[in-house]
């Protein structure tokens, strides 16, 4: 179990908190992180792509030309895949790309992502996340904190802080329930509140899987 400093937004120490070793000091395996990210992105895919098959193309009620005497292959419908404007054979159809990933693997991946940031010195714990609701004020605060991009994780959503962070594409704010491997790796840094630590540990615990 590691003990880390709790900081204020001026990056001054205001306390300390213990981080569970099984969540914040887990052994990082790239293949597990890769699998979890694949699962996340696959679940996000719409899968609405579609081409028209022979049965969906309009027309085709009349035989396009006579059976014999043309010198060409016989055709019974203009909707044939061999005809211009006809249907498509074996084209993409609407489908879901989502697949099942065991809950233990998902929680393990989240622990590994957090452990990676902790090891790299890119995980920070602050005393609270409160804002006036102004983007300029929050931007100035984060710039002084020394981060160009990061995820901001709170125990529960603060409406004013959420409003201030909404127009900042380099930062993403959400409660513990929204914490995910893809965003942790994409933004490459995380600021979490002291209050959210217990919830994060509870969510990542393999005993609850």
N, C-alpha and C. Protein backbone atom coordinates (compact mmCIF):
# COMPACT_ATOMS: atom_id res chain seq x y z
N UNK A 1 0.85 -1.20 0.00
CA UNK A 1 0.00 0.00 0.00
C UNK A 1 0.88 1.24 0.00
N UNK A 2 0.65 2.10 -0.98
CA UNK A 2 1.44 3.32 -1.11
C UNK A 2 0.70 4.50 -0.48
N UNK A 3 1.46 5.39 0.12
CA UNK A 3 0.91 6.62 0.68
C UNK A 3 1.32 7.78 -0.21
N UNK A 4 0.34 8.50 -0.75
CA UNK A 4 0.64 9.61 -1.64
C UNK A 4 0.10 10.91 -1.05
N UNK A 5 0.64 12.00 -1.54
CA UNK A 5 0.23 13.31 -1.05
C UNK A 5 -1.11 13.72 -1.66
N UNK A 6 -1.93 14.36 -0.85
CA UNK A 6 -3.15 15.00 -1.33
C UNK A 6 -2.81 16.47 -1.56
N UNK A 7 -3.08 16.94 -2.78
CA UNK A 7 -2.69 18.29 -3.16
C UNK A 7 -3.89 19.21 -3.29
N UNK A 8 -3.62 20.52 -3.18
CA UNK A 8 -4.64 21.49 -3.58
C UNK A 8 -4.33 21.91 -5.01
N UNK A 9 -5.11 22.84 -5.56
CA UNK A 9 -4.92 23.19 -6.96
C UNK A 9 -3.71 24.08 -7.21
N UNK A 10 -3.02 24.45 -6.14
CA UNK A 10 -1.74 25.16 -6.28
C UNK A 10 -0.58 24.16 -6.19
N UNK A 11 -0.94 22.87 -6.14
CA UNK A 11 0.00 21.76 -6.07
C UNK A 11 0.77 21.76 -4.75
N UNK A 12 0.09 22.21 -3.69
CA UNK A 12 0.67 22.21 -2.35
C UNK A 12 0.08 21.04 -1.57
N UNK A 13 0.91 20.40 -0.75
CA UNK A 13 0.46 19.26 0.03
C UNK A 13 -0.49 19.72 1.14
N UNK A 14 -1.66 19.06 1.19
CA UNK A 14 -2.63 19.39 2.23
C UNK A 14 -3.02 18.16 3.04
N UNK A 15 -2.38 17.04 2.75
CA UNK A 15 -2.69 15.81 3.46
C UNK A 15 -2.09 14.62 2.75
N UNK A 16 -2.54 13.43 3.12
CA UNK A 16 -2.05 12.20 2.49
C UNK A 16 -3.17 11.16 2.47
N UNK A 17 -3.02 10.19 1.59
CA UNK A 17 -4.02 9.13 1.47
C UNK A 17 -3.31 7.83 1.07
N UNK A 18 -3.84 6.71 1.55
CA UNK A 18 -3.28 5.40 1.21
C UNK A 18 -3.97 4.86 -0.04
N UNK A 19 -3.17 4.37 -0.97
CA UNK A 19 -3.69 3.76 -2.20
C UNK A 19 -3.48 2.26 -2.15
N UNK A 20 -4.55 1.51 -2.34
CA UNK A 20 -4.49 0.04 -2.27
C UNK A 20 -3.53 -0.50 -3.31
N UNK A 21 -2.65 -1.41 -2.89
CA UNK A 21 -1.63 -1.95 -3.78
C UNK A 21 -2.22 -2.76 -4.93
N UNK A 22 -3.31 -3.49 -4.69
CA UNK A 22 -3.88 -4.33 -5.75
C UNK A 22 -4.56 -3.52 -6.85
N UNK A 23 -4.82 -2.24 -6.60
CA UNK A 23 -5.45 -1.38 -7.60
C UNK A 23 -4.46 -0.39 -8.20
N UNK A 24 -3.59 0.18 -7.38
CA UNK A 24 -2.69 1.22 -7.85
C UNK A 24 -1.23 0.77 -8.00
N UNK A 25 -0.97 -0.49 -7.68
CA UNK A 25 0.39 -1.01 -7.85
C UNK A 25 0.37 -2.38 -8.52
N UNK A 26 -0.62 -2.60 -9.38
CA UNK A 26 -0.75 -3.88 -10.07
C UNK A 26 0.30 -4.00 -11.17
N UNK A 27 0.67 -5.24 -11.47
CA UNK A 27 1.60 -5.51 -12.55
C UNK A 27 0.91 -5.21 -13.89
N UNK A 28 1.55 -4.39 -14.71
CA UNK A 28 0.93 -3.94 -15.97
C UNK A 28 1.26 -4.91 -17.10
N UNK A 29 0.21 -5.41 -17.77
CA UNK A 29 0.39 -6.29 -18.92
C UNK A 29 -0.29 -5.65 -20.13
N UNK A 30 0.52 -5.38 -21.16
CA UNK A 30 0.02 -4.68 -22.34
C UNK A 30 -1.11 -5.44 -23.04
N UNK A 31 -1.00 -6.79 -23.04
CA UNK A 31 -2.03 -7.56 -23.74
C UNK A 31 -3.40 -7.43 -23.08
N UNK A 32 -3.42 -7.28 -21.75
CA UNK A 32 -4.70 -7.11 -21.04
C UNK A 32 -5.28 -5.73 -21.37
N UNK A 33 -4.45 -4.70 -21.32
CA UNK A 33 -4.90 -3.35 -21.65
C UNK A 33 -5.41 -3.28 -23.09
N UNK A 34 -4.70 -3.96 -24.00
CA UNK A 34 -5.10 -3.98 -25.41
C UNK A 34 -6.46 -4.64 -25.58
N UNK A 35 -6.67 -5.74 -24.88
CA UNK A 35 -7.95 -6.46 -24.97
C UNK A 35 -9.11 -5.61 -24.45
N UNK A 36 -8.89 -4.92 -23.33
CA UNK A 36 -9.95 -4.09 -22.75
C UNK A 36 -10.27 -2.91 -23.66
N UNK A 37 -9.25 -2.29 -24.25
CA UNK A 37 -9.49 -1.17 -25.17
C UNK A 37 -10.24 -1.66 -26.40
N UNK A 38 -9.86 -2.82 -26.93
CA UNK A 38 -10.57 -3.41 -28.07
C UNK A 38 -12.04 -3.63 -27.73
N UNK A 39 -12.31 -4.14 -26.55
CA UNK A 39 -13.68 -4.39 -26.09
C UNK A 39 -14.47 -3.08 -26.02
N UNK A 40 -13.84 -2.04 -25.48
CA UNK A 40 -14.52 -0.75 -25.38
C UNK A 40 -14.86 -0.18 -26.76
N UNK A 41 -13.87 -0.18 -27.65
CA UNK A 41 -14.09 0.40 -28.97
C UNK A 41 -15.07 -0.42 -29.80
N UNK A 42 -15.04 -1.74 -29.63
CA UNK A 42 -15.98 -2.60 -30.35
C UNK A 42 -17.42 -2.33 -29.89
N UNK A 43 -17.58 -2.08 -28.61
CA UNK A 43 -18.92 -1.80 -28.07
C UNK A 43 -19.46 -0.46 -28.57
N UNK A 44 -18.56 0.47 -28.91
CA UNK A 44 -18.98 1.79 -29.37
C UNK A 44 -19.36 1.81 -30.85
N UNK A 45 -18.92 0.82 -31.61
CA UNK A 45 -19.18 0.82 -33.06
C UNK A 45 -20.68 0.70 -33.34
N UNK A 46 -21.18 1.51 -34.24
CA UNK A 46 -22.61 1.50 -34.55
C UNK A 46 -23.00 0.25 -35.32
N UNK A 47 -22.18 -0.16 -36.26
CA UNK A 47 -22.50 -1.34 -37.05
C UNK A 47 -23.72 -1.17 -37.93
N UNK A 48 -23.97 0.06 -38.41
CA UNK A 48 -25.16 0.32 -39.22
C UNK A 48 -24.87 0.26 -40.73
N UNK A 49 -23.67 -0.15 -41.11
CA UNK A 49 -23.33 -0.24 -42.52
C UNK A 49 -24.20 -1.29 -43.21
N UNK A 50 -24.55 -1.03 -44.49
CA UNK A 50 -25.44 -1.96 -45.18
C UNK A 50 -25.36 -1.75 -46.70
N UNK A 51 -25.38 -2.83 -47.44
CA UNK A 51 -25.53 -2.78 -48.89
C UNK A 51 -26.79 -3.55 -49.27
N UNK A 52 -27.37 -3.22 -50.42
CA UNK A 52 -28.60 -3.89 -50.85
C UNK A 52 -28.28 -5.20 -51.55
N UNK A 53 -28.96 -6.22 -51.13
CA UNK A 53 -28.83 -7.53 -51.77
C UNK A 53 -29.77 -7.58 -52.98
N UNK A 54 -29.75 -8.68 -53.69
CA UNK A 54 -30.59 -8.86 -54.87
C UNK A 54 -32.07 -8.66 -54.54
N UNK A 55 -32.45 -9.06 -53.35
CA UNK A 55 -33.86 -8.97 -52.97
C UNK A 55 -34.29 -7.58 -52.54
N UNK A 56 -33.34 -6.65 -52.36
CA UNK A 56 -33.68 -5.31 -51.88
C UNK A 56 -33.59 -4.24 -52.97
N UNK A 57 -32.92 -4.57 -54.08
CA UNK A 57 -32.78 -3.59 -55.17
C UNK A 57 -34.12 -3.44 -55.89
N UNK A 58 -34.44 -2.20 -56.27
CA UNK A 58 -35.70 -1.95 -56.96
C UNK A 58 -35.65 -2.44 -58.41
N UNK A 59 -36.81 -2.69 -58.98
CA UNK A 59 -36.90 -3.16 -60.36
C UNK A 59 -36.76 -4.66 -60.44
N UNK A 60 -36.49 -5.14 -61.66
CA UNK A 60 -36.24 -6.56 -61.83
C UNK A 60 -37.45 -7.41 -62.12
N UNK A 61 -38.59 -6.79 -62.32
CA UNK A 61 -39.78 -7.59 -62.59
C UNK A 61 -39.81 -8.15 -64.01
N UNK A 62 -39.11 -7.49 -64.88
CA UNK A 62 -39.12 -7.90 -66.30
C UNK A 62 -37.78 -8.52 -66.67
N UNK A 63 -37.82 -9.54 -67.50
CA UNK A 63 -36.58 -10.15 -68.00
C UNK A 63 -35.84 -9.09 -68.83
N UNK A 64 -34.56 -8.81 -68.53
CA UNK A 64 -33.86 -7.69 -69.19
C UNK A 64 -33.70 -7.84 -70.69
N UNK A 65 -33.53 -9.03 -71.17
CA UNK A 65 -33.46 -9.27 -72.63
C UNK A 65 -33.82 -10.72 -72.88
N UNK A 66 -34.07 -11.02 -74.17
CA UNK A 66 -34.55 -12.36 -74.49
C UNK A 66 -33.51 -13.42 -74.15
N UNK A 67 -34.00 -14.64 -74.01
CA UNK A 67 -33.17 -15.74 -73.56
C UNK A 67 -32.07 -16.08 -74.56
N UNK A 68 -32.41 -16.12 -75.85
CA UNK A 68 -31.46 -16.59 -76.85
C UNK A 68 -31.18 -15.52 -77.91
N UNK A 69 -30.08 -15.69 -78.60
CA UNK A 69 -29.79 -14.86 -79.76
C UNK A 69 -29.00 -13.59 -79.48
N UNK A 70 -28.67 -13.30 -78.24
CA UNK A 70 -27.93 -12.07 -77.94
C UNK A 70 -26.42 -12.30 -77.95
N UNK A 71 -26.01 -13.52 -77.84
CA UNK A 71 -24.58 -13.81 -77.76
C UNK A 71 -24.02 -13.65 -76.37
N UNK A 72 -24.86 -13.23 -75.46
CA UNK A 72 -24.42 -13.03 -74.08
C UNK A 72 -25.04 -14.06 -73.15
N UNK A 73 -24.62 -14.02 -71.92
CA UNK A 73 -25.17 -14.95 -70.94
C UNK A 73 -26.62 -14.60 -70.65
N UNK A 74 -27.40 -15.61 -70.41
CA UNK A 74 -28.82 -15.40 -70.13
C UNK A 74 -28.99 -14.73 -68.76
N UNK A 75 -29.99 -13.86 -68.67
CA UNK A 75 -30.29 -13.17 -67.42
C UNK A 75 -31.79 -13.18 -67.18
N UNK A 76 -32.16 -13.37 -65.94
CA UNK A 76 -33.58 -13.42 -65.62
C UNK A 76 -34.06 -12.19 -64.87
N UNK A 77 -33.13 -11.37 -64.40
CA UNK A 77 -33.53 -10.19 -63.62
C UNK A 77 -32.44 -9.13 -63.67
N UNK A 78 -32.86 -7.87 -63.73
CA UNK A 78 -31.90 -6.76 -63.71
C UNK A 78 -31.35 -6.54 -62.31
N UNK A 79 -31.92 -7.25 -61.34
CA UNK A 79 -31.43 -7.14 -59.96
C UNK A 79 -30.28 -8.09 -59.67
N UNK A 80 -29.89 -8.88 -60.64
CA UNK A 80 -28.81 -9.84 -60.46
C UNK A 80 -27.51 -9.12 -60.09
N UNK A 81 -26.68 -9.76 -59.32
CA UNK A 81 -25.40 -9.16 -58.92
C UNK A 81 -24.48 -8.96 -60.12
N UNK A 82 -24.79 -9.60 -61.25
CA UNK A 82 -23.96 -9.47 -62.44
C UNK A 82 -24.34 -8.26 -63.30
N UNK A 83 -25.48 -7.66 -62.99
CA UNK A 83 -26.00 -6.56 -63.80
C UNK A 83 -25.64 -5.21 -63.18
N UNK A 84 -25.39 -4.18 -64.03
CA UNK A 84 -25.17 -2.83 -63.51
C UNK A 84 -26.38 -2.35 -62.72
N UNK A 85 -26.16 -1.85 -61.52
CA UNK A 85 -27.27 -1.41 -60.68
C UNK A 85 -27.95 -2.54 -59.94
N UNK A 86 -27.40 -3.73 -60.07
CA UNK A 86 -27.99 -4.88 -59.37
C UNK A 86 -27.57 -4.94 -57.91
N UNK A 87 -27.95 -6.01 -57.27
CA UNK A 87 -27.63 -6.18 -55.86
C UNK A 87 -26.17 -6.49 -55.62
N UNK A 88 -25.77 -6.51 -54.36
CA UNK A 88 -24.41 -6.83 -53.95
C UNK A 88 -24.39 -8.17 -53.24
N UNK A 89 -23.47 -9.02 -53.63
CA UNK A 89 -23.36 -10.33 -52.98
C UNK A 89 -22.42 -10.24 -51.78
N UNK A 90 -22.84 -10.75 -50.67
CA UNK A 90 -22.02 -10.84 -49.46
C UNK A 90 -21.51 -9.48 -48.97
N UNK A 91 -22.30 -8.43 -49.18
CA UNK A 91 -21.93 -7.11 -48.71
C UNK A 91 -22.17 -6.98 -47.21
N UNK A 92 -21.68 -5.88 -46.59
CA UNK A 92 -21.88 -5.69 -45.14
C UNK A 92 -23.34 -5.49 -44.78
N UNK A 93 -23.76 -6.06 -43.68
CA UNK A 93 -25.12 -5.93 -43.18
C UNK A 93 -25.06 -5.42 -41.73
N UNK A 94 -26.12 -4.77 -41.26
CA UNK A 94 -26.11 -4.28 -39.87
C UNK A 94 -25.78 -5.38 -38.88
N UNK A 95 -24.88 -5.08 -37.97
CA UNK A 95 -24.47 -6.07 -36.98
C UNK A 95 -23.89 -5.37 -35.76
N UNK A 96 -23.79 -6.09 -34.68
CA UNK A 96 -23.15 -5.59 -33.47
C UNK A 96 -21.74 -6.14 -33.38
N UNK A 97 -20.79 -5.27 -33.11
CA UNK A 97 -19.39 -5.69 -32.97
C UNK A 97 -19.04 -6.01 -31.52
N UNK A 98 -19.97 -5.79 -30.62
CA UNK A 98 -19.70 -6.01 -29.19
C UNK A 98 -19.44 -7.48 -28.91
N UNK A 99 -18.56 -7.72 -27.97
CA UNK A 99 -18.31 -9.09 -27.51
C UNK A 99 -18.21 -9.09 -25.99
N UNK A 100 -18.38 -10.25 -25.42
CA UNK A 100 -18.40 -10.38 -23.96
C UNK A 100 -16.98 -10.46 -23.43
N UNK A 101 -16.68 -9.62 -22.45
CA UNK A 101 -15.38 -9.66 -21.77
C UNK A 101 -15.65 -9.88 -20.28
N UNK A 102 -15.04 -10.89 -19.68
CA UNK A 102 -15.30 -11.16 -18.25
C UNK A 102 -15.07 -9.94 -17.38
N UNK A 103 -15.92 -9.80 -16.37
CA UNK A 103 -15.84 -8.65 -15.48
C UNK A 103 -14.48 -8.57 -14.78
N UNK A 104 -13.89 -9.72 -14.50
CA UNK A 104 -12.57 -9.71 -13.83
C UNK A 104 -11.50 -9.10 -14.72
N UNK A 105 -11.58 -9.38 -16.02
CA UNK A 105 -10.60 -8.82 -16.96
C UNK A 105 -10.80 -7.32 -17.07
N UNK A 106 -12.05 -6.87 -17.09
CA UNK A 106 -12.33 -5.44 -17.20
C UNK A 106 -11.80 -4.70 -15.97
N UNK A 107 -12.01 -5.26 -14.80
CA UNK A 107 -11.54 -4.62 -13.56
C UNK A 107 -10.02 -4.68 -13.46
N UNK A 108 -9.45 -5.78 -13.91
CA UNK A 108 -7.99 -5.91 -13.90
C UNK A 108 -7.36 -4.88 -14.84
N UNK A 109 -7.96 -4.69 -16.01
CA UNK A 109 -7.46 -3.71 -16.96
C UNK A 109 -7.50 -2.30 -16.40
N UNK A 110 -8.56 -1.97 -15.68
CA UNK A 110 -8.69 -0.66 -15.07
C UNK A 110 -7.62 -0.45 -14.00
N UNK A 111 -7.37 -1.48 -13.20
CA UNK A 111 -6.32 -1.41 -12.18
C UNK A 111 -4.94 -1.22 -12.82
N UNK A 112 -4.71 -1.93 -13.93
CA UNK A 112 -3.42 -1.81 -14.62
C UNK A 112 -3.22 -0.41 -15.20
N UNK A 113 -4.28 0.18 -15.75
CA UNK A 113 -4.18 1.53 -16.31
C UNK A 113 -3.87 2.54 -15.20
N UNK A 114 -4.54 2.40 -14.07
CA UNK A 114 -4.28 3.29 -12.94
C UNK A 114 -2.87 3.08 -12.39
N UNK A 115 -2.44 1.83 -12.34
CA UNK A 115 -1.09 1.51 -11.85
C UNK A 115 -0.02 2.08 -12.78
N UNK A 116 -0.29 2.04 -14.08
CA UNK A 116 0.64 2.60 -15.05
C UNK A 116 0.84 4.09 -14.83
N UNK A 117 -0.28 4.81 -14.64
CA UNK A 117 -0.19 6.26 -14.40
C UNK A 117 0.50 6.56 -13.08
N UNK A 118 0.21 5.75 -12.06
CA UNK A 118 0.84 5.95 -10.76
C UNK A 118 2.35 5.73 -10.84
N UNK A 119 2.75 4.70 -11.57
CA UNK A 119 4.16 4.40 -11.73
C UNK A 119 4.90 5.49 -12.50
N UNK A 120 4.21 6.08 -13.49
CA UNK A 120 4.81 7.13 -14.32
C UNK A 120 4.73 8.51 -13.66
N UNK A 121 4.13 8.58 -12.48
CA UNK A 121 4.01 9.87 -11.80
C UNK A 121 2.97 10.79 -12.43
N UNK A 122 1.96 10.19 -13.06
CA UNK A 122 0.95 10.97 -13.76
C UNK A 122 -0.43 10.83 -13.12
N UNK A 123 -0.45 10.32 -11.89
CA UNK A 123 -1.70 10.20 -11.14
C UNK A 123 -1.61 11.13 -9.94
N UNK A 124 -2.56 12.06 -9.84
CA UNK A 124 -2.55 13.05 -8.76
C UNK A 124 -3.84 12.98 -7.97
N UNK A 125 -3.73 13.18 -6.67
CA UNK A 125 -4.90 13.18 -5.79
C UNK A 125 -5.08 14.60 -5.25
N UNK A 126 -6.26 15.17 -5.46
CA UNK A 126 -6.55 16.51 -4.96
C UNK A 126 -7.62 16.44 -3.89
N UNK A 127 -7.71 17.51 -3.10
CA UNK A 127 -8.65 17.49 -1.98
C UNK A 127 -10.10 17.58 -2.44
N UNK A 128 -10.36 18.35 -3.51
CA UNK A 128 -11.74 18.46 -3.99
C UNK A 128 -11.76 19.01 -5.41
N UNK A 129 -12.91 18.88 -6.08
CA UNK A 129 -13.11 19.46 -7.41
C UNK A 129 -14.33 20.36 -7.35
N UNK A 130 -14.06 21.63 -7.20
CA UNK A 130 -15.13 22.63 -7.17
C UNK A 130 -14.75 23.76 -8.11
N UNK A 131 -15.72 24.40 -8.69
CA UNK A 131 -15.46 25.44 -9.67
C UNK A 131 -16.54 26.49 -9.63
N UNK A 132 -16.23 27.66 -10.19
CA UNK A 132 -17.21 28.72 -10.31
C UNK A 132 -18.13 28.49 -11.50
N UNK A 133 -17.79 27.46 -12.30
CA UNK A 133 -18.58 27.19 -13.49
C UNK A 133 -18.07 27.89 -14.72
N UNK A 134 -16.89 28.53 -14.63
CA UNK A 134 -16.31 29.27 -15.73
C UNK A 134 -15.13 28.50 -16.32
N UNK A 135 -15.15 28.30 -17.65
CA UNK A 135 -14.10 27.54 -18.32
C UNK A 135 -12.74 28.23 -18.18
N UNK A 136 -12.70 29.55 -18.30
CA UNK A 136 -11.44 30.31 -18.23
C UNK A 136 -10.76 30.10 -16.88
N UNK A 137 -11.56 30.12 -15.82
CA UNK A 137 -11.00 29.95 -14.47
C UNK A 137 -10.42 28.55 -14.30
N UNK A 138 -11.15 27.54 -14.77
CA UNK A 138 -10.67 26.16 -14.63
C UNK A 138 -9.45 25.91 -15.52
N UNK A 139 -9.45 26.48 -16.71
CA UNK A 139 -8.32 26.34 -17.62
C UNK A 139 -7.04 26.92 -17.00
N UNK A 140 -7.19 28.07 -16.40
CA UNK A 140 -6.04 28.71 -15.74
C UNK A 140 -5.53 27.86 -14.58
N UNK A 141 -6.46 27.25 -13.85
CA UNK A 141 -6.10 26.41 -12.70
C UNK A 141 -5.35 25.16 -13.14
N UNK A 142 -5.83 24.53 -14.21
CA UNK A 142 -5.19 23.32 -14.71
C UNK A 142 -3.83 23.62 -15.34
N UNK A 143 -3.72 24.76 -15.99
CA UNK A 143 -2.44 25.16 -16.57
C UNK A 143 -1.40 25.37 -15.47
N UNK A 144 -1.83 25.97 -14.36
CA UNK A 144 -0.92 26.18 -13.23
C UNK A 144 -0.55 24.84 -12.58
N UNK A 145 -1.44 23.86 -12.71
CA UNK A 145 -1.18 22.53 -12.15
C UNK A 145 -0.12 21.80 -12.96
N UNK A 146 0.09 22.23 -14.21
CA UNK A 146 1.16 21.66 -15.04
C UNK A 146 0.75 20.55 -15.97
N UNK A 147 -0.55 20.46 -16.28
CA UNK A 147 -1.02 19.40 -17.17
C UNK A 147 -1.66 19.99 -18.42
N UNK A 148 -1.34 19.39 -19.58
CA UNK A 148 -1.92 19.83 -20.84
C UNK A 148 -3.18 19.05 -21.17
N UNK A 149 -3.26 17.80 -20.67
CA UNK A 149 -4.46 17.01 -20.86
C UNK A 149 -4.54 15.96 -19.76
N UNK A 150 -5.73 15.60 -19.36
CA UNK A 150 -5.91 14.63 -18.27
C UNK A 150 -7.38 14.30 -18.11
N UNK A 151 -7.65 13.19 -17.43
CA UNK A 151 -9.02 12.88 -17.01
C UNK A 151 -9.18 13.39 -15.58
N UNK A 152 -10.35 13.90 -15.28
CA UNK A 152 -10.64 14.44 -13.96
C UNK A 152 -11.75 13.59 -13.35
N UNK A 153 -11.45 12.92 -12.27
CA UNK A 153 -12.39 11.95 -11.70
C UNK A 153 -12.82 12.39 -10.31
N UNK A 154 -14.13 12.46 -10.11
CA UNK A 154 -14.68 12.86 -8.81
C UNK A 154 -15.60 11.75 -8.30
N UNK A 155 -15.88 11.78 -7.01
CA UNK A 155 -16.76 10.77 -6.42
C UNK A 155 -18.17 10.90 -6.98
N UNK A 156 -18.61 12.13 -7.22
CA UNK A 156 -19.91 12.39 -7.83
C UNK A 156 -19.78 13.67 -8.65
N UNK A 157 -20.68 13.84 -9.59
CA UNK A 157 -20.59 14.97 -10.51
C UNK A 157 -20.93 16.29 -9.82
N UNK A 158 -20.04 17.26 -9.94
CA UNK A 158 -20.30 18.62 -9.50
C UNK A 158 -20.74 19.41 -10.74
N UNK A 159 -21.96 19.93 -10.74
CA UNK A 159 -22.54 20.55 -11.93
C UNK A 159 -21.72 21.74 -12.43
N UNK A 160 -21.25 22.58 -11.52
CA UNK A 160 -20.48 23.75 -11.93
C UNK A 160 -19.13 23.33 -12.52
N UNK A 161 -18.49 22.34 -11.91
CA UNK A 161 -17.21 21.86 -12.43
C UNK A 161 -17.42 21.21 -13.80
N UNK A 162 -18.50 20.45 -13.95
CA UNK A 162 -18.82 19.81 -15.22
C UNK A 162 -19.06 20.85 -16.31
N UNK A 163 -19.76 21.94 -15.97
CA UNK A 163 -20.04 23.00 -16.92
C UNK A 163 -18.74 23.68 -17.36
N UNK A 164 -17.82 23.89 -16.42
CA UNK A 164 -16.56 24.54 -16.74
C UNK A 164 -15.66 23.67 -17.61
N UNK A 165 -15.72 22.35 -17.40
CA UNK A 165 -14.84 21.43 -18.14
C UNK A 165 -15.41 21.03 -19.49
N UNK A 166 -16.67 21.36 -19.74
CA UNK A 166 -17.36 20.89 -20.93
C UNK A 166 -16.71 21.39 -22.23
N UNK A 167 -16.17 22.60 -22.22
CA UNK A 167 -15.60 23.20 -23.42
C UNK A 167 -14.09 23.02 -23.51
N UNK A 168 -13.56 22.07 -22.78
CA UNK A 168 -12.11 21.84 -22.78
C UNK A 168 -11.83 20.44 -23.33
N UNK A 169 -11.55 20.31 -24.64
CA UNK A 169 -11.36 18.99 -25.25
C UNK A 169 -10.13 18.25 -24.73
N UNK A 170 -9.19 18.97 -24.14
CA UNK A 170 -7.98 18.31 -23.63
C UNK A 170 -8.21 17.64 -22.27
N UNK A 171 -9.35 17.92 -21.67
CA UNK A 171 -9.65 17.35 -20.35
C UNK A 171 -11.04 16.71 -20.39
N UNK A 172 -11.19 15.64 -19.63
CA UNK A 172 -12.47 14.94 -19.57
C UNK A 172 -12.85 14.71 -18.11
N UNK A 173 -14.02 15.18 -17.74
CA UNK A 173 -14.49 15.10 -16.35
C UNK A 173 -15.64 14.13 -16.24
N UNK A 174 -15.55 13.19 -15.29
CA UNK A 174 -16.66 12.27 -15.05
C UNK A 174 -16.54 11.68 -13.64
N UNK A 175 -17.63 11.08 -13.14
CA UNK A 175 -17.58 10.43 -11.83
C UNK A 175 -16.86 9.09 -11.94
N UNK A 176 -16.68 8.43 -10.82
CA UNK A 176 -15.98 7.13 -10.78
C UNK A 176 -16.65 6.12 -11.70
N UNK A 177 -17.97 6.20 -11.83
CA UNK A 177 -18.70 5.25 -12.68
C UNK A 177 -18.27 5.35 -14.14
N UNK A 178 -17.77 6.49 -14.56
CA UNK A 178 -17.36 6.67 -15.95
C UNK A 178 -15.90 6.35 -16.21
N UNK A 179 -15.16 5.99 -15.17
CA UNK A 179 -13.73 5.69 -15.32
C UNK A 179 -13.53 4.50 -16.24
N UNK A 180 -12.63 4.65 -17.24
CA UNK A 180 -12.41 3.57 -18.19
C UNK A 180 -10.97 3.56 -18.69
N UNK A 181 -10.53 2.42 -19.19
CA UNK A 181 -9.14 2.23 -19.61
C UNK A 181 -8.80 3.10 -20.80
N UNK A 182 -9.70 3.18 -21.79
CA UNK A 182 -9.41 3.93 -23.02
C UNK A 182 -9.07 5.38 -22.72
N UNK A 183 -9.88 6.05 -21.89
CA UNK A 183 -9.64 7.46 -21.59
C UNK A 183 -8.39 7.65 -20.74
N UNK A 184 -8.13 6.73 -19.80
CA UNK A 184 -6.93 6.84 -18.98
C UNK A 184 -5.66 6.78 -19.83
N UNK A 185 -5.66 5.90 -20.83
CA UNK A 185 -4.49 5.78 -21.69
C UNK A 185 -4.44 6.91 -22.73
N UNK A 186 -5.59 7.35 -23.20
CA UNK A 186 -5.64 8.41 -24.21
C UNK A 186 -5.16 9.74 -23.66
N UNK A 187 -5.65 10.11 -22.48
CA UNK A 187 -5.29 11.40 -21.90
C UNK A 187 -3.97 11.35 -21.13
N UNK A 188 -3.50 10.15 -20.79
CA UNK A 188 -2.16 9.92 -20.27
C UNK A 188 -1.87 10.62 -18.94
N UNK A 189 -2.90 10.98 -18.21
CA UNK A 189 -2.74 11.56 -16.87
C UNK A 189 -4.11 11.57 -16.21
N UNK A 190 -4.11 11.57 -14.89
CA UNK A 190 -5.39 11.56 -14.18
C UNK A 190 -5.28 12.35 -12.89
N UNK A 191 -6.33 13.11 -12.62
CA UNK A 191 -6.47 13.81 -11.34
C UNK A 191 -7.72 13.26 -10.67
N UNK A 192 -7.57 12.68 -9.51
CA UNK A 192 -8.71 12.12 -8.79
C UNK A 192 -8.84 12.82 -7.44
N UNK A 193 -10.05 12.84 -6.92
CA UNK A 193 -10.26 13.46 -5.62
C UNK A 193 -10.02 12.43 -4.50
N UNK A 194 -9.70 12.93 -3.34
CA UNK A 194 -9.47 12.05 -2.18
C UNK A 194 -10.73 11.24 -1.88
N UNK A 195 -11.88 11.86 -2.06
CA UNK A 195 -13.16 11.20 -1.78
C UNK A 195 -13.44 10.06 -2.75
N UNK A 196 -12.88 10.14 -3.97
CA UNK A 196 -13.16 9.13 -4.99
C UNK A 196 -12.29 7.88 -4.86
N UNK A 197 -11.22 7.96 -4.07
CA UNK A 197 -10.28 6.83 -3.97
C UNK A 197 -10.97 5.55 -3.51
N UNK A 198 -11.79 5.64 -2.46
CA UNK A 198 -12.47 4.46 -1.93
C UNK A 198 -13.41 3.86 -2.96
N UNK A 199 -14.11 4.70 -3.72
CA UNK A 199 -15.03 4.21 -4.75
C UNK A 199 -14.27 3.53 -5.88
N UNK A 200 -13.11 4.08 -6.24
CA UNK A 200 -12.29 3.48 -7.30
C UNK A 200 -11.80 2.11 -6.87
N UNK A 201 -11.34 2.00 -5.63
CA UNK A 201 -10.88 0.72 -5.09
C UNK A 201 -12.00 -0.30 -5.09
N UNK A 202 -13.18 0.13 -4.68
CA UNK A 202 -14.34 -0.77 -4.64
C UNK A 202 -14.72 -1.23 -6.04
N UNK A 203 -14.63 -0.34 -7.02
CA UNK A 203 -14.99 -0.70 -8.39
C UNK A 203 -13.98 -1.65 -9.01
N UNK A 204 -12.70 -1.47 -8.68
CA UNK A 204 -11.64 -2.29 -9.28
C UNK A 204 -11.38 -3.59 -8.51
N UNK A 205 -11.96 -3.73 -7.34
CA UNK A 205 -11.69 -4.92 -6.53
C UNK A 205 -12.19 -6.18 -7.22
N UNK A 206 -11.29 -7.17 -7.33
CA UNK A 206 -11.65 -8.43 -7.97
C UNK A 206 -12.61 -9.23 -7.12
N UNK A 207 -12.68 -8.92 -5.83
CA UNK A 207 -13.60 -9.65 -4.95
C UNK A 207 -15.06 -9.34 -5.29
N UNK A 208 -15.28 -8.16 -5.92
CA UNK A 208 -16.65 -7.77 -6.28
C UNK A 208 -17.00 -8.20 -7.69
N UNK A 209 -16.03 -8.81 -8.41
CA UNK A 209 -16.26 -9.19 -9.81
C UNK A 209 -17.20 -10.39 -9.89
